[in-house]
PDB file of N, CA and C in Angstrom:
ATOM      1  N   UNK A   1      -4.891  23.447  10.195  1.00  0.00           N
ATOM      2  CA  UNK A   1      -4.725  22.016  10.407  1.00  0.00           C
ATOM      3  C   UNK A   1      -3.281  21.635  10.134  1.00  0.00           C
ATOM      4  N   UNK A   2      -2.825  20.697  10.916  1.00  0.00           N
ATOM      5  CA  UNK A   2      -1.476  20.193  10.710  1.00  0.00           C
ATOM      6  C   UNK A   2      -1.526  18.671  10.741  1.00  0.00           C
ATOM      7  N   UNK A   3      -0.925  18.044   9.719  1.00  0.00           N
ATOM      8  CA  UNK A   3      -0.797  16.588   9.708  1.00  0.00           C
ATOM      9  C   UNK A   3       0.423  16.219  10.528  1.00  0.00           C
ATOM     10  N   UNK A   4       0.241  15.286  11.460  1.00  0.00           N
ATOM     11  CA  UNK A   4       1.353  14.838  12.296  1.00  0.00           C
ATOM     12  C   UNK A   4       1.570  13.347  12.108  1.00  0.00           C
ATOM     13  N   UNK A   5       2.838  12.939  12.080  1.00  0.00           N
ATOM     14  CA  UNK A   5       3.133  11.515  12.093  1.00  0.00           C
ATOM     15  C   UNK A   5       2.744  10.984  13.470  1.00  0.00           C
ATOM     16  N   UNK A   6       2.672   9.682  13.591  1.00  0.00           N
ATOM     17  CA  UNK A   6       2.327   9.101  14.886  1.00  0.00           C
ATOM     18  C   UNK A   6       3.304   9.557  15.974  1.00  0.00           C
ATOM     19  N   UNK A   7       4.591   9.585  15.647  1.00  0.00           N
ATOM     20  CA  UNK A   7       5.598   9.982  16.625  1.00  0.00           C
ATOM     21  C   UNK A   7       5.390  11.436  17.061  1.00  0.00           C
ATOM     22  N   UNK A   8       5.148  12.329  16.085  1.00  0.00           N
ATOM     23  CA  UNK A   8       4.913  13.735  16.400  1.00  0.00           C
ATOM     24  C   UNK A   8       3.647  13.899  17.232  1.00  0.00           C
ATOM     25  N   UNK A   9       2.595  13.162  16.847  1.00  0.00           N
ATOM     26  CA  UNK A   9       1.286  13.241  17.503  1.00  0.00           C
ATOM     27  C   UNK A   9       1.419  12.830  18.966  1.00  0.00           C
ATOM     28  N   UNK A  10       2.059  11.675  19.203  1.00  0.00           N
ATOM     29  CA  UNK A  10       2.217  11.139  20.562  1.00  0.00           C
ATOM     30  C   UNK A  10       3.067  12.077  21.416  1.00  0.00           C
ATOM     31  N   UNK A  11       4.167  12.561  20.859  1.00  0.00           N
ATOM     32  CA  UNK A  11       5.073  13.438  21.595  1.00  0.00           C
ATOM     33  C   UNK A  11       4.396  14.765  21.942  1.00  0.00           C
ATOM     34  N   UNK A  12       3.739  15.356  20.962  1.00  0.00           N
ATOM     35  CA  UNK A  12       3.082  16.646  21.177  1.00  0.00           C
ATOM     36  C   UNK A  12       1.930  16.497  22.168  1.00  0.00           C
ATOM     37  N   UNK A  13       1.160  15.424  22.025  1.00  0.00           N
ATOM     38  CA  UNK A  13       0.026  15.160  22.907  1.00  0.00           C
ATOM     39  C   UNK A  13       0.487  14.991  24.355  1.00  0.00           C
ATOM     40  N   UNK A  14       1.585  14.277  24.548  1.00  0.00           N
ATOM     41  CA  UNK A  14       2.094  14.012  25.902  1.00  0.00           C
ATOM     42  C   UNK A  14       2.490  15.296  26.620  1.00  0.00           C
ATOM     43  N   UNK A  15       2.864  16.323  25.875  1.00  0.00           N
ATOM     44  CA  UNK A  15       3.330  17.577  26.467  1.00  0.00           C
ATOM     45  C   UNK A  15       2.298  18.691  26.383  1.00  0.00           C
ATOM     46  N   UNK A  16       1.051  18.342  26.094  1.00  0.00           N
ATOM     47  CA  UNK A  16      -0.002  19.339  25.873  1.00  0.00           C
ATOM     48  C   UNK A  16      -1.044  19.242  26.988  1.00  0.00           C
ATOM     49  N   UNK A  17      -1.055  20.220  27.879  1.00  0.00           N
ATOM     50  CA  UNK A  17      -2.019  20.237  28.985  1.00  0.00           C
ATOM     51  C   UNK A  17      -3.398  20.722  28.543  1.00  0.00           C
ATOM     52  N   UNK A  18      -3.518  21.133  27.293  1.00  0.00           N
ATOM     53  CA  UNK A  18      -4.769  21.689  26.776  1.00  0.00           C
ATOM     54  C   UNK A  18      -5.331  20.799  25.664  1.00  0.00           C
ATOM     55  N   UNK A  19      -5.001  19.506  25.712  1.00  0.00           N
ATOM     56  CA  UNK A  19      -5.308  18.590  24.616  1.00  0.00           C
ATOM     57  C   UNK A  19      -6.645  17.876  24.791  1.00  0.00           C
ATOM     58  N   UNK A  20      -7.297  17.638  23.644  1.00  0.00           N
ATOM     59  CA  UNK A  20      -8.479  16.790  23.561  1.00  0.00           C
ATOM     60  C   UNK A  20      -8.252  15.839  22.393  1.00  0.00           C
ATOM     61  N   UNK A  21      -8.432  14.528  22.628  1.00  0.00           N
ATOM     62  CA  UNK A  21      -8.319  13.537  21.563  1.00  0.00           C
ATOM     63  C   UNK A  21      -9.723  13.287  21.020  1.00  0.00           C
ATOM     64  N   UNK A  22      -9.864  13.383  19.705  1.00  0.00           N
ATOM     65  CA  UNK A  22     -11.167  13.263  19.054  1.00  0.00           C
ATOM     66  C   UNK A  22     -11.142  12.155  18.013  1.00  0.00           C
ATOM     67  N   UNK A  23     -12.033  11.187  18.173  1.00  0.00           N
ATOM     68  CA  UNK A  23     -12.198  10.064  17.249  1.00  0.00           C
ATOM     69  C   UNK A  23     -13.419  10.356  16.380  1.00  0.00           C
ATOM     70  N   UNK A  24     -13.236  10.414  15.047  1.00  0.00           N
ATOM     71  CA  UNK A  24     -14.350  10.747  14.152  1.00  0.00           C
ATOM     72  C   UNK A  24     -14.829   9.541  13.344  1.00  0.00           C
ATOM     73  N   UNK A  25     -14.494   8.329  13.805  1.00  0.00           N
ATOM     74  CA  UNK A  25     -14.906   7.110  13.100  1.00  0.00           C
ATOM     75  C   UNK A  25     -16.368   6.774  13.391  1.00  0.00           C
ATOM     76  N   UNK A  26     -16.848   5.724  12.705  1.00  0.00           N
ATOM     77  CA  UNK A  26     -18.217   5.256  12.910  1.00  0.00           C
ATOM     78  C   UNK A  26     -18.322   4.453  14.203  1.00  0.00           C
ATOM     79  N   UNK A  27     -19.568   4.211  14.638  1.00  0.00           N
ATOM     80  CA  UNK A  27     -19.803   3.393  15.843  1.00  0.00           C
ATOM     81  C   UNK A  27     -19.160   2.011  15.696  1.00  0.00           C
ATOM     82  N   UNK A  28     -19.308   1.388  14.526  1.00  0.00           N
ATOM     83  CA  UNK A  28     -18.744   0.054  14.305  1.00  0.00           C
ATOM     84  C   UNK A  28     -17.229   0.056  14.433  1.00  0.00           C
ATOM     85  N   UNK A  29     -16.592   1.108  13.901  1.00  0.00           N
ATOM     86  CA  UNK A  29     -15.133   1.198  13.991  1.00  0.00           C
ATOM     87  C   UNK A  29     -14.689   1.420  15.432  1.00  0.00           C
ATOM     88  N   UNK A  30     -15.417   2.249  16.158  1.00  0.00           N
ATOM     89  CA  UNK A  30     -15.086   2.555  17.545  1.00  0.00           C
ATOM     90  C   UNK A  30     -15.201   1.308  18.431  1.00  0.00           C
ATOM     91  N   UNK A  31     -16.067   0.382  18.046  1.00  0.00           N
ATOM     92  CA  UNK A  31     -16.239  -0.855  18.817  1.00  0.00           C
ATOM     93  C   UNK A  31     -14.938  -1.656  18.896  1.00  0.00           C
ATOM     94  N   UNK A  32     -14.025  -1.424  17.956  1.00  0.00           N
ATOM     95  CA  UNK A  32     -12.735  -2.118  17.955  1.00  0.00           C
ATOM     96  C   UNK A  32     -11.745  -1.501  18.941  1.00  0.00           C
ATOM     97  N   UNK A  33     -12.122  -0.374  19.548  1.00  0.00           N
ATOM     98  CA  UNK A  33     -11.271   0.292  20.518  1.00  0.00           C
ATOM     99  C   UNK A  33     -10.889   1.684  20.053  1.00  0.00           C
ATOM    100  N   UNK A  34     -10.547   2.539  21.028  1.00  0.00           N
ATOM    101  CA  UNK A  34     -10.173   3.923  20.755  1.00  0.00           C
ATOM    102  C   UNK A  34      -8.819   4.228  21.394  1.00  0.00           C
ATOM    103  N   UNK A  35      -8.199   5.299  20.943  1.00  0.00           N
ATOM    104  CA  UNK A  35      -6.986   5.785  21.590  1.00  0.00           C
ATOM    105  C   UNK A  35      -7.412   6.355  22.954  1.00  0.00           C
ATOM    106  N   UNK A  36      -6.621   6.109  23.964  1.00  0.00           N
ATOM    107  CA  UNK A  36      -6.970   6.486  25.343  1.00  0.00           C
ATOM    108  C   UNK A  36      -7.477   7.920  25.447  1.00  0.00           C
ATOM    109  N   UNK A  37      -8.550   8.088  26.223  1.00  0.00           N
ATOM    110  CA  UNK A  37      -9.160   9.375  26.556  1.00  0.00           C
ATOM    111  C   UNK A  37      -9.852  10.072  25.387  1.00  0.00           C
ATOM    112  N   UNK A  38     -10.077   9.357  24.297  1.00  0.00           N
ATOM    113  CA  UNK A  38     -10.722   9.973  23.129  1.00  0.00           C
ATOM    114  C   UNK A  38     -12.209  10.194  23.375  1.00  0.00           C
ATOM    115  N   UNK A  39     -12.710  11.281  22.809  1.00  0.00           N
ATOM    116  CA  UNK A  39     -14.152  11.464  22.723  1.00  0.00           C
ATOM    117  C   UNK A  39     -14.538  11.102  21.295  1.00  0.00           C
ATOM    118  N   UNK A  40     -15.752  10.604  21.131  1.00  0.00           N
ATOM    119  CA  UNK A  40     -16.178  10.108  19.823  1.00  0.00           C
ATOM    120  C   UNK A  40     -17.307  10.959  19.257  1.00  0.00           C
ATOM    121  N   UNK A  41     -17.084  11.487  18.054  1.00  0.00           N
ATOM    122  CA  UNK A  41     -18.128  12.177  17.302  1.00  0.00           C
ATOM    123  C   UNK A  41     -18.001  11.702  15.854  1.00  0.00           C
ATOM    124  N   UNK A  42     -18.966  10.950  15.372  1.00  0.00           N
ATOM    125  CA  UNK A  42     -18.930  10.340  14.040  1.00  0.00           C
ATOM    126  C   UNK A  42     -19.093  11.406  12.952  1.00  0.00           C
ATOM    127  N   UNK A  43     -18.083  11.527  12.093  1.00  0.00           N
ATOM    128  CA  UNK A  43     -18.121  12.532  11.027  1.00  0.00           C
ATOM    129  C   UNK A  43     -19.262  12.265  10.036  1.00  0.00           C
ATOM    130  N   UNK A  44     -19.709  11.010   9.941  1.00  0.00           N
ATOM    131  CA  UNK A  44     -20.785  10.679   9.002  1.00  0.00           C
ATOM    132  C   UNK A  44     -22.158  11.148   9.484  1.00  0.00           C
ATOM    133  N   UNK A  45     -22.218  11.780  10.647  1.00  0.00           N
ATOM    134  CA  UNK A  45     -23.490  12.321  11.136  1.00  0.00           C
ATOM    135  C   UNK A  45     -23.868  13.625  10.437  1.00  0.00           C
ATOM    136  N   UNK A  46     -23.003  14.112   9.544  1.00  0.00           N
ATOM    137  CA  UNK A  46     -23.313  15.295   8.751  1.00  0.00           C
ATOM    138  C   UNK A  46     -23.519  16.546   9.587  1.00  0.00           C
ATOM    139  N   UNK A  47     -24.717  17.140   9.460  1.00  0.00           N
ATOM    140  CA  UNK A  47     -25.010  18.386  10.193  1.00  0.00           C
ATOM    141  C   UNK A  47     -24.922  18.183  11.702  1.00  0.00           C
ATOM    142  N   UNK A  48     -25.305  17.005  12.181  1.00  0.00           N
ATOM    143  CA  UNK A  48     -25.219  16.721  13.619  1.00  0.00           C
ATOM    144  C   UNK A  48     -23.752  16.723  14.069  1.00  0.00           C
ATOM    145  N   UNK A  49     -22.867  16.234  13.207  1.00  0.00           N
ATOM    146  CA  UNK A  49     -21.427  16.268  13.504  1.00  0.00           C
ATOM    147  C   UNK A  49     -20.973  17.721  13.650  1.00  0.00           C
ATOM    148  N   UNK A  50     -21.340  18.541  12.690  1.00  0.00           N
ATOM    149  CA  UNK A  50     -20.946  19.955  12.721  1.00  0.00           C
ATOM    150  C   UNK A  50     -21.491  20.633  13.974  1.00  0.00           C
ATOM    151  N   UNK A  51     -22.739  20.338  14.324  1.00  0.00           N
ATOM    152  CA  UNK A  51     -23.347  20.936  15.519  1.00  0.00           C
ATOM    153  C   UNK A  51     -22.602  20.510  16.785  1.00  0.00           C
ATOM    154  N   UNK A  52     -22.264  19.218  16.882  1.00  0.00           N
ATOM    155  CA  UNK A  52     -21.545  18.725  18.068  1.00  0.00           C
ATOM    156  C   UNK A  52     -20.141  19.318  18.148  1.00  0.00           C
ATOM    157  N   UNK A  53     -19.465  19.392  17.018  1.00  0.00           N
ATOM    158  CA  UNK A  53     -18.117  19.965  16.982  1.00  0.00           C
ATOM    159  C   UNK A  53     -18.164  21.430  17.410  1.00  0.00           C
ATOM    160  N   UNK A  54     -19.163  22.148  16.925  1.00  0.00           N
ATOM    161  CA  UNK A  54     -19.281  23.575  17.211  1.00  0.00           C
ATOM    162  C   UNK A  54     -19.505  23.850  18.700  1.00  0.00           C
ATOM    163  N   UNK A  55     -19.985  22.846  19.449  1.00  0.00           N
ATOM    164  CA  UNK A  55     -20.210  22.976  20.887  1.00  0.00           C
ATOM    165  C   UNK A  55     -18.910  22.836  21.695  1.00  0.00           C
ATOM    166  N   UNK A  56     -17.867  22.303  21.073  1.00  0.00           N
ATOM    167  CA  UNK A  56     -16.613  22.061  21.785  1.00  0.00           C
ATOM    168  C   UNK A  56     -15.888  23.374  22.085  1.00  0.00           C
ATOM    169  N   UNK A  57     -15.024  23.319  23.072  1.00  0.00           N
ATOM    170  CA  UNK A  57     -14.234  24.475  23.492  1.00  0.00           C
ATOM    171  C   UNK A  57     -13.171  24.781  22.434  1.00  0.00           C
ATOM    172  N   UNK A  58     -13.309  25.897  21.751  1.00  0.00           N
ATOM    173  CA  UNK A  58     -12.408  26.239  20.648  1.00  0.00           C
ATOM    174  C   UNK A  58     -11.012  26.633  21.126  1.00  0.00           C
ATOM    175  N   UNK A  59     -10.832  26.828  22.427  1.00  0.00           N
ATOM    176  CA  UNK A  59      -9.510  27.198  22.942  1.00  0.00           C
ATOM    177  C   UNK A  59      -8.626  25.977  23.202  1.00  0.00           C
ATOM    178  N   UNK A  60      -9.191  24.782  23.075  1.00  0.00           N
ATOM    179  CA  UNK A  60      -8.426  23.549  23.295  1.00  0.00           C
ATOM    180  C   UNK A  60      -7.650  23.172  22.037  1.00  0.00           C
ATOM    181  N   UNK A  61      -6.697  22.264  22.192  1.00  0.00           N
ATOM    182  CA  UNK A  61      -5.935  21.708  21.073  1.00  0.00           C
ATOM    183  C   UNK A  61      -6.494  20.315  20.785  1.00  0.00           C
ATOM    184  N   UNK A  62      -6.944  20.093  19.560  1.00  0.00           N
ATOM    185  CA  UNK A  62      -7.613  18.841  19.208  1.00  0.00           C
ATOM    186  C   UNK A  62      -6.710  17.940  18.380  1.00  0.00           C
ATOM    187  N   UNK A  63      -6.580  16.706  18.860  1.00  0.00           N
ATOM    188  CA  UNK A  63      -5.812  15.670  18.189  1.00  0.00           C
ATOM    189  C   UNK A  63      -6.838  14.704  17.606  1.00  0.00           C
ATOM    190  N   UNK A  64      -6.984  14.760  16.288  1.00  0.00           N
ATOM    191  CA  UNK A  64      -8.103  14.108  15.609  1.00  0.00           C
ATOM    192  C   UNK A  64      -7.607  12.906  14.817  1.00  0.00           C
ATOM    193  N   UNK A  65      -8.379  11.804  14.906  1.00  0.00           N
ATOM    194  CA  UNK A  65      -8.005  10.625  14.129  1.00  0.00           C
ATOM    195  C   UNK A  65      -9.240   9.872  13.640  1.00  0.00           C
ATOM    196  N   UNK A  66      -9.009   9.039  12.614  1.00  0.00           N
ATOM    197  CA  UNK A  66     -10.040   8.145  12.083  1.00  0.00           C
ATOM    198  C   UNK A  66      -9.351   6.824  11.752  1.00  0.00           C
ATOM    199  N   UNK A  67      -9.859   6.106  10.798  1.00  0.00           N
ATOM    200  CA  UNK A  67      -9.284   4.818  10.445  1.00  0.00           C
ATOM    201  C   UNK A  67      -7.966   4.990   9.689  1.00  0.00           C
ATOM    202  N   UNK A  68      -7.945   5.897   8.690  1.00  0.00           N
ATOM    203  CA  UNK A  68      -6.775   6.012   7.820  1.00  0.00           C
ATOM    204  C   UNK A  68      -6.146   7.405   7.782  1.00  0.00           C
ATOM    205  N   UNK A  69      -6.814   8.401   8.360  1.00  0.00           N
ATOM    206  CA  UNK A  69      -6.306   9.763   8.324  1.00  0.00           C
ATOM    207  C   UNK A  69      -7.033  10.667   7.349  1.00  0.00           C
ATOM    208  N   UNK A  70      -7.914  10.090   6.517  1.00  0.00           N
ATOM    209  CA  UNK A  70      -8.636  10.871   5.519  1.00  0.00           C
ATOM    210  C   UNK A  70      -9.792  11.663   6.136  1.00  0.00           C
ATOM    211  N   UNK A  71     -10.705  10.967   6.807  1.00  0.00           N
ATOM    212  CA  UNK A  71     -11.856  11.648   7.429  1.00  0.00           C
ATOM    213  C   UNK A  71     -11.423  12.610   8.523  1.00  0.00           C
ATOM    214  N   UNK A  72     -10.374  12.242   9.276  1.00  0.00           N
ATOM    215  CA  UNK A  72      -9.909  13.148  10.328  1.00  0.00           C
ATOM    216  C   UNK A  72      -9.324  14.422   9.724  1.00  0.00           C
ATOM    217  N   UNK A  73      -8.717  14.319   8.549  1.00  0.00           N
ATOM    218  CA  UNK A  73      -8.259  15.516   7.853  1.00  0.00           C
ATOM    219  C   UNK A  73      -9.426  16.403   7.462  1.00  0.00           C
ATOM    220  N   UNK A  74     -10.508  15.784   6.982  1.00  0.00           N
ATOM    221  CA  UNK A  74     -11.723  16.536   6.657  1.00  0.00           C
ATOM    222  C   UNK A  74     -12.292  17.189   7.913  1.00  0.00           C
ATOM    223  N   UNK A  75     -12.297  16.437   9.016  1.00  0.00           N
ATOM    224  CA  UNK A  75     -12.816  16.971  10.283  1.00  0.00           C
ATOM    225  C   UNK A  75     -11.999  18.177  10.731  1.00  0.00           C
ATOM    226  N   UNK A  76     -10.676  18.105  10.592  1.00  0.00           N
ATOM    227  CA  UNK A  76      -9.812  19.231  10.963  1.00  0.00           C
ATOM    228  C   UNK A  76     -10.138  20.458  10.121  1.00  0.00           C
ATOM    229  N   UNK A  77     -10.385  20.257   8.833  1.00  0.00           N
ATOM    230  CA  UNK A  77     -10.743  21.381   7.963  1.00  0.00           C
ATOM    231  C   UNK A  77     -12.059  22.004   8.388  1.00  0.00           C
ATOM    232  N   UNK A  78     -13.041  21.171   8.732  1.00  0.00           N
ATOM    233  CA  UNK A  78     -14.334  21.670   9.221  1.00  0.00           C
ATOM    234  C   UNK A  78     -14.124  22.460  10.507  1.00  0.00           C
ATOM    235  N   UNK A  79     -13.295  21.916  11.393  1.00  0.00           N
ATOM    236  CA  UNK A  79     -13.027  22.588  12.666  1.00  0.00           C
ATOM    237  C   UNK A  79     -12.394  23.952  12.443  1.00  0.00           C
ATOM    238  N   UNK A  80     -11.461  24.039  11.508  1.00  0.00           N
ATOM    239  CA  UNK A  80     -10.845  25.337  11.203  1.00  0.00           C
ATOM    240  C   UNK A  80     -11.887  26.324  10.692  1.00  0.00           C
ATOM    241  N   UNK A  81     -12.805  25.849   9.839  1.00  0.00           N
ATOM    242  CA  UNK A  81     -13.869  26.712   9.327  1.00  0.00           C
ATOM    243  C   UNK A  81     -14.772  27.212  10.448  1.00  0.00           C
ATOM    244  N   UNK A  82     -14.898  26.408  11.512  1.00  0.00           N
ATOM    245  CA  UNK A  82     -15.744  26.782  12.648  1.00  0.00           C
ATOM    246  C   UNK A  82     -14.997  27.651  13.670  1.00  0.00           C
ATOM    247  N   UNK A  83     -13.722  27.924  13.419  1.00  0.00           N
ATOM    248  CA  UNK A  83     -12.982  28.823  14.295  1.00  0.00           C
ATOM    249  C   UNK A  83     -12.020  28.157  15.262  1.00  0.00           C
ATOM    250  N   UNK A  84     -11.789  26.860  15.117  1.00  0.00           N
ATOM    251  CA  UNK A  84     -10.800  26.180  15.958  1.00  0.00           C
ATOM    252  C   UNK A  84      -9.408  26.545  15.464  1.00  0.00           C
ATOM    253  N   UNK A  85      -8.516  26.882  16.391  1.00  0.00           N
ATOM    254  CA  UNK A  85      -7.171  27.299  15.991  1.00  0.00           C
ATOM    255  C   UNK A  85      -6.205  26.130  15.868  1.00  0.00           C
ATOM    256  N   UNK A  86      -6.387  25.103  16.700  1.00  0.00           N
ATOM    257  CA  UNK A  86      -5.421  24.008  16.724  1.00  0.00           C
ATOM    258  C   UNK A  86      -6.097  22.653  16.577  1.00  0.00           C
ATOM    259  N   UNK A  87      -6.019  22.116  15.354  1.00  0.00           N
ATOM    260  CA  UNK A  87      -6.537  20.774  15.068  1.00  0.00           C
ATOM    261  C   UNK A  87      -5.421  20.001  14.372  1.00  0.00           C
ATOM    262  N   UNK A  88      -5.056  18.874  14.960  1.00  0.00           N
ATOM    263  CA  UNK A  88      -3.944  18.075  14.457  1.00  0.00           C
ATOM    264  C   UNK A  88      -4.455  16.725  13.972  1.00  0.00           C
ATOM    265  N   UNK A  89      -4.137  16.404  12.728  1.00  0.00           N
ATOM    266  CA  UNK A  89      -4.587  15.169  12.105  1.00  0.00           C
ATOM    267  C   UNK A  89      -3.520  14.082  12.247  1.00  0.00           C
ATOM    268  N   UNK A  90      -3.953  12.897  12.682  1.00  0.00           N
ATOM    269  CA  UNK A  90      -3.041  11.759  12.800  1.00  0.00           C
ATOM    270  C   UNK A  90      -2.893  11.092  11.435  1.00  0.00           C
ATOM    271  N   UNK A  91      -1.712  11.237  10.829  1.00  0.00           N
ATOM    272  CA  UNK A  91      -1.447  10.603   9.541  1.00  0.00           C
ATOM    273  C   UNK A  91      -1.540   9.081   9.679  1.00  0.00           C
ATOM    274  N   UNK A  92      -2.241   8.449   8.767  1.00  0.00           N
ATOM    275  CA  UNK A  92      -2.339   6.990   8.774  1.00  0.00           C
ATOM    276  C   UNK A  92      -3.408   6.443   9.697  1.00  0.00           C
ATOM    277  N   UNK A  93      -3.950   7.272  10.577  1.00  0.00           N
ATOM    278  CA  UNK A  93      -5.046   6.870  11.454  1.00  0.00           C
ATOM    279  C   UNK A  93      -4.758   5.634  12.280  1.00  0.00           C
ATOM    280  N   UNK A  94      -5.835   4.976  12.687  1.00  0.00           N
ATOM    281  CA  UNK A  94      -5.730   3.785  13.530  1.00  0.00           C
ATOM    282  C   UNK A  94      -5.037   2.642  12.789  1.00  0.00           C
ATOM    283  N   UNK A  95      -5.154   2.610  11.454  1.00  0.00           N
ATOM    284  CA  UNK A  95      -4.505   1.547  10.689  1.00  0.00           C
ATOM    285  C   UNK A  95      -3.005   1.488  10.942  1.00  0.00           C
ATOM    286  N   UNK A  96      -2.388   2.647  11.160  1.00  0.00           N
ATOM    287  CA  UNK A  96      -0.947   2.690  11.392  1.00  0.00           C
ATOM    288  C   UNK A  96      -0.583   2.943  12.854  1.00  0.00           C
ATOM    289  N   UNK A  97      -1.585   3.017  13.717  1.00  0.00           N
ATOM    290  CA  UNK A  97      -1.360   3.286  15.137  1.00  0.00           C
ATOM    291  C   UNK A  97      -0.649   2.109  15.785  1.00  0.00           C
ATOM    292  N   UNK A  98       0.435   2.386  16.484  1.00  0.00           N
ATOM    293  CA  UNK A  98       1.208   1.332  17.140  1.00  0.00           C
ATOM    294  C   UNK A  98       0.968   1.278  18.633  1.00  0.00           C
ATOM    295  N   UNK A  99       0.230   2.271  19.154  1.00  0.00           N
ATOM    296  CA  UNK A  99      -0.072   2.293  20.582  1.00  0.00           C
ATOM    297  C   UNK A  99      -1.260   1.412  20.912  1.00  0.00           C
ATOM    298  N   UNK A 100      -1.634   1.418  22.175  1.00  0.00           N
ATOM    299  CA  UNK A 100      -2.763   0.630  22.630  1.00  0.00           C
ATOM    300  C   UNK A 100      -4.082   1.290  22.268  1.00  0.00           C
ATOM    301  N   UNK A 101      -5.105   0.458  22.121  1.00  0.00           N
ATOM    302  CA  UNK A 101      -6.480   0.930  21.975  1.00  0.00           C
ATOM    303  C   UNK A 101      -7.249   0.452  23.192  1.00  0.00           C
ATOM    304  N   UNK A 102      -8.168   1.276  23.672  1.00  0.00           N
ATOM    305  CA  UNK A 102      -8.971   0.910  24.834  1.00  0.00           C
ATOM    306  C   UNK A 102     -10.436   0.850  24.443  1.00  0.00           C
ATOM    307  N   UNK A 103     -11.208   0.108  25.221  1.00  0.00           N
ATOM    308  CA  UNK A 103     -12.646  -0.014  24.993  1.00  0.00           C
ATOM    309  C   UNK A 103     -13.327   1.263  25.473  1.00  0.00           C
ATOM    310  N   UNK A 104     -14.148   1.855  24.626  1.00  0.00           N
ATOM    311  CA  UNK A 104     -14.820   3.105  24.978  1.00  0.00           C
ATOM    312  C   UNK A 104     -15.893   2.888  26.040  1.00  0.00           C
ATOM    313  N   UNK A 105     -16.446   1.703  26.097  1.00  0.00           N
ATOM    314  CA  UNK A 105     -17.545   1.439  27.044  1.00  0.00           C
ATOM    315  C   UNK A 105     -17.036   1.004  28.403  1.00  0.00           C
TER     316      UNK A 105
END
């Protein structure tokens, strides 16, 4: 896992053809909007979260975020334990995000 500042995250993501953006917030938090092209898997789903994460393509590069950067850091650690090689945590999460958020629905 690597913690990235918003600037590093945005720059690296823009140049990554193998990227997946992953939002690990709750349904209520996601209702406020997501970072463009994000898929949503709530980390609070426990074993169901782990099962859903384990189904993802481990060869992709995952850019993971939550509200503040704490849960997404935990998610990155779980992903590494499951065999993911590249999981990047957004420091500060959505609270410090300066880009646009889009409606998931």
